[in-house]
Amino acid sequence: MDIRIGNGYDVHALENGLEMWLGGVKIPSEKGFVAHSDGDVAIHALCDALLGCLALGDIGHLFPDTSDEWKGADSKDLLARVVAIVREKGYHVGNADITIALQRPKLSPYINTMRATLAPILGVTEDRISVKATTTEHLGFTGREEGCQVWASALIVKE
């Protein structure tokens, strides 16, 4: 059996008056992510994990923030493109694990919706998607509510 594991990490700054998208879900918040696309830092880290499985670089290589084509892009569409690449290479997603570090707002009410949103894009059932949220106990840039960090791991399996 040919299995591969990849890890991804992404960070975005927070700013008042912008939208906050995480895991494909719009989160009510007074702050949102500064980004070229919709800034969905969770999906960006997941894309990096999937691309890492295949040693294909990172999301910035495929969807550069210097290109007008990706300005304001829906990160769910970027993820679907990455999943299509995984499938073109003869693999399917086995599972994914995402950890979001954000001081505010509390994300627990949105975790299941994120899982339900991501699962069909990845072509898996919700029980194969883990989304966890944590704070940094007011430490660092995340704790000061200046930004958000996300770590993601993914496993893919040869068809």
Protein backbone atom coordinates (compact mmCIF):
# COMPACT_ATOMS: atom_id res chain seq x y z
CA MET A 1 0.00 0.00 0.00
CA ASP A 2 1.37 3.42 -0.96
CA ILE A 3 0.46 6.02 1.64
CA ARG A 4 1.88 9.48 2.08
CA ILE A 5 1.66 12.00 4.88
CA GLY A 6 2.03 15.76 4.60
CA ASN A 7 2.01 18.68 7.00
CA GLY A 8 0.96 22.26 6.43
CA TYR A 9 1.17 25.49 8.37
CA ASP A 10 -0.24 28.90 7.62
CA VAL A 11 -0.74 32.18 9.42
CA HIS A 12 -2.72 35.32 8.62
CA ALA A 13 -2.92 38.67 10.34
CA LEU A 14 -6.22 39.86 11.76
CA GLU A 15 -7.72 43.29 11.05
CA ASN A 16 -10.96 44.98 12.04
CA GLY A 17 -13.75 45.06 9.48
CA LEU A 18 -12.65 42.07 7.38
CA GLU A 19 -14.47 38.75 6.96
CA MET A 20 -13.27 35.68 8.82
CA TRP A 21 -13.42 32.41 6.89
CA LEU A 22 -12.17 29.23 8.56
CA GLY A 23 -12.60 25.70 7.25
CA GLY A 24 -14.89 27.02 4.54
CA VAL A 25 -17.25 28.61 7.06
CA LYS A 26 -17.88 32.32 7.58
CA ILE A 27 -17.33 33.02 11.28
CA PRO A 28 -19.07 36.03 12.85
CA SER A 29 -16.28 38.26 14.13
CA GLU A 30 -15.31 41.91 14.32
CA LYS A 31 -11.92 40.95 12.86
CA GLY A 32 -11.03 39.02 9.74
CA PHE A 33 -7.97 37.89 7.83
CA VAL A 34 -5.68 40.11 5.81
CA ALA A 35 -5.11 38.11 2.62
CA HIS A 36 -5.04 38.09 -1.17
CA SER A 37 -7.76 35.42 -1.32
CA ASP A 38 -10.56 35.03 1.23
CA GLY A 39 -7.81 34.31 3.77
CA ASP A 40 -9.12 30.93 4.97
CA VAL A 41 -5.98 30.02 6.87
CA ALA A 42 -7.34 26.56 7.76
CA ILE A 43 -7.90 25.59 4.15
CA HIS A 44 -4.54 27.08 3.16
CA ALA A 45 -2.74 24.90 5.72
CA LEU A 46 -4.73 21.88 4.52
CA CYS A 47 -3.76 22.59 0.91
CA ASP A 48 -0.12 22.76 1.97
CA ALA A 49 -0.45 19.41 3.78
CA LEU A 50 -1.95 17.75 0.70
CA LEU A 51 0.65 19.25 -1.60
CA GLY A 52 3.34 18.16 0.85
CA CYS A 53 2.16 14.56 0.52
CA LEU A 54 3.21 14.71 -3.12
CA ALA A 55 6.26 16.99 -2.69
CA LEU A 56 4.57 19.63 -4.88
CA GLY A 57 5.51 22.72 -2.91
CA ASP A 58 2.98 24.96 -1.25
CA ILE A 59 -0.20 26.86 -1.98
CA GLY A 60 1.72 30.03 -2.84
CA HIS A 61 3.45 28.19 -5.67
CA LEU A 62 0.16 27.11 -7.28
CA PHE A 63 -1.91 30.17 -6.41
CA PRO A 64 0.52 33.10 -6.05
CA ASP A 65 -0.65 36.21 -4.21
CA THR A 66 0.93 38.26 -6.99
CA SER A 67 -1.69 37.02 -9.48
CA ASP A 68 -4.95 38.89 -10.01
CA GLU A 69 -6.52 35.52 -10.92
CA TRP A 70 -6.54 34.53 -7.25
CA LYS A 71 -7.52 37.90 -5.74
CA GLY A 72 -10.52 37.32 -3.50
CA ALA A 73 -10.57 33.62 -4.40
CA ASP A 74 -12.80 31.27 -2.44
CA SER A 75 -10.36 28.94 -0.67
CA LYS A 76 -12.82 26.05 -1.06
CA ASP A 77 -12.18 26.31 -4.81
CA LEU A 78 -8.41 26.28 -4.22
CA LEU A 79 -8.80 23.15 -2.08
CA ALA A 80 -10.90 21.46 -4.78
CA ARG A 81 -8.11 22.18 -7.29
CA VAL A 82 -5.52 20.66 -4.95
CA VAL A 83 -7.69 17.58 -4.39
CA ALA A 84 -8.01 17.24 -8.19
CA ILE A 85 -4.20 17.18 -8.42
CA VAL A 86 -4.07 14.50 -5.71
CA ARG A 87 -6.56 12.42 -7.73
CA GLU A 88 -4.69 13.02 -11.01
CA LYS A 89 -1.61 11.53 -9.34
CA GLY A 90 -3.66 8.40 -8.52
CA TYR A 91 -4.30 9.04 -4.82
CA HIS A 92 -7.31 9.74 -2.66
CA VAL A 93 -7.49 11.48 0.69
CA GLY A 94 -7.47 9.13 3.67
CA ASN A 95 -7.93 11.69 6.43
CA ALA A 96 -7.02 15.19 7.57
CA ASP A 97 -6.34 16.75 10.95
CA ILE A 98 -6.47 20.53 11.46
CA THR A 99 -5.55 22.54 14.56
CA ILE A 100 -6.55 26.22 14.66
CA ALA A 101 -4.94 28.59 17.18
CA LEU A 102 -7.09 31.70 17.61
CA GLN A 103 -7.74 33.69 20.75
CA ARG A 104 -11.20 34.96 19.75
CA PRO A 105 -13.88 34.18 18.72
CA LYS A 106 -14.49 30.75 20.23
CA LEU A 107 -14.77 28.25 17.39
CA SER A 108 -16.44 25.27 19.07
CA PRO A 109 -19.91 26.16 17.67
CA TYR A 110 -18.50 25.97 14.11
CA ILE A 111 -16.30 22.85 14.23
CA ASN A 112 -18.93 20.40 12.96
CA THR A 113 -19.95 22.78 10.17
CA MET A 114 -16.31 23.03 9.11
CA ARG A 115 -16.03 19.24 9.02
CA ALA A 116 -19.27 18.99 7.02
CA THR A 117 -18.02 21.64 4.58
CA LEU A 118 -14.57 20.12 4.03
CA ALA A 119 -15.53 16.44 3.81
CA PRO A 120 -17.25 16.51 0.39
CA ILE A 121 -14.48 18.63 -1.11
CA LEU A 122 -11.94 16.06 0.08
CA GLY A 123 -14.16 13.17 -1.00
CA VAL A 124 -14.34 11.62 2.46
CA THR A 125 -16.85 11.22 5.26
CA GLU A 126 -16.89 13.68 8.14
CA ASP A 127 -15.39 11.11 10.50
CA ARG A 128 -12.15 11.42 8.50
CA ILE A 129 -11.83 15.15 9.15
CA SER A 130 -10.65 16.40 12.52
CA VAL A 131 -10.84 20.10 13.34
CA LYS A 132 -9.62 21.31 16.70
CA ALA A 133 -9.47 24.83 18.07
CA THR A 134 -7.27 26.23 20.80
CA THR A 135 -6.15 29.56 22.19
CA THR A 136 -2.60 30.48 23.11
CA GLU A 137 -3.64 31.69 26.56
CA HIS A 138 -3.05 35.31 25.50
CA LEU A 139 0.60 34.57 24.58
CA GLY A 140 2.30 35.75 21.39
CA PHE A 141 0.74 37.40 18.35
CA THR A 142 -2.16 34.93 18.43
CA GLY A 143 -2.88 35.66 22.08
CA ARG A 144 -2.77 39.40 21.40
CA GLU A 145 -5.40 38.82 18.67
CA GLU A 146 -3.06 39.99 15.92
CA GLY A 147 -3.32 36.79 13.91
CA CYS A 148 -4.29 33.15 13.56
CA GLN A 149 -2.12 30.06 13.13
CA VAL A 150 -3.18 26.72 11.69
CA TRP A 151 -1.41 23.37 11.47
CA ALA A 152 -2.76 20.61 9.23
CA SER A 153 -1.78 17.04 8.52
CA ALA A 154 -3.13 14.89 5.72
CA LEU A 155 -2.78 11.30 4.63
CA ILE A 156 -3.32 10.18 1.05
CA VAL A 157 -3.54 6.64 -0.29
CA LYS A 158 -2.69 5.28 -3.75
CA GLU A 159 -5.82 4.08 -5.51
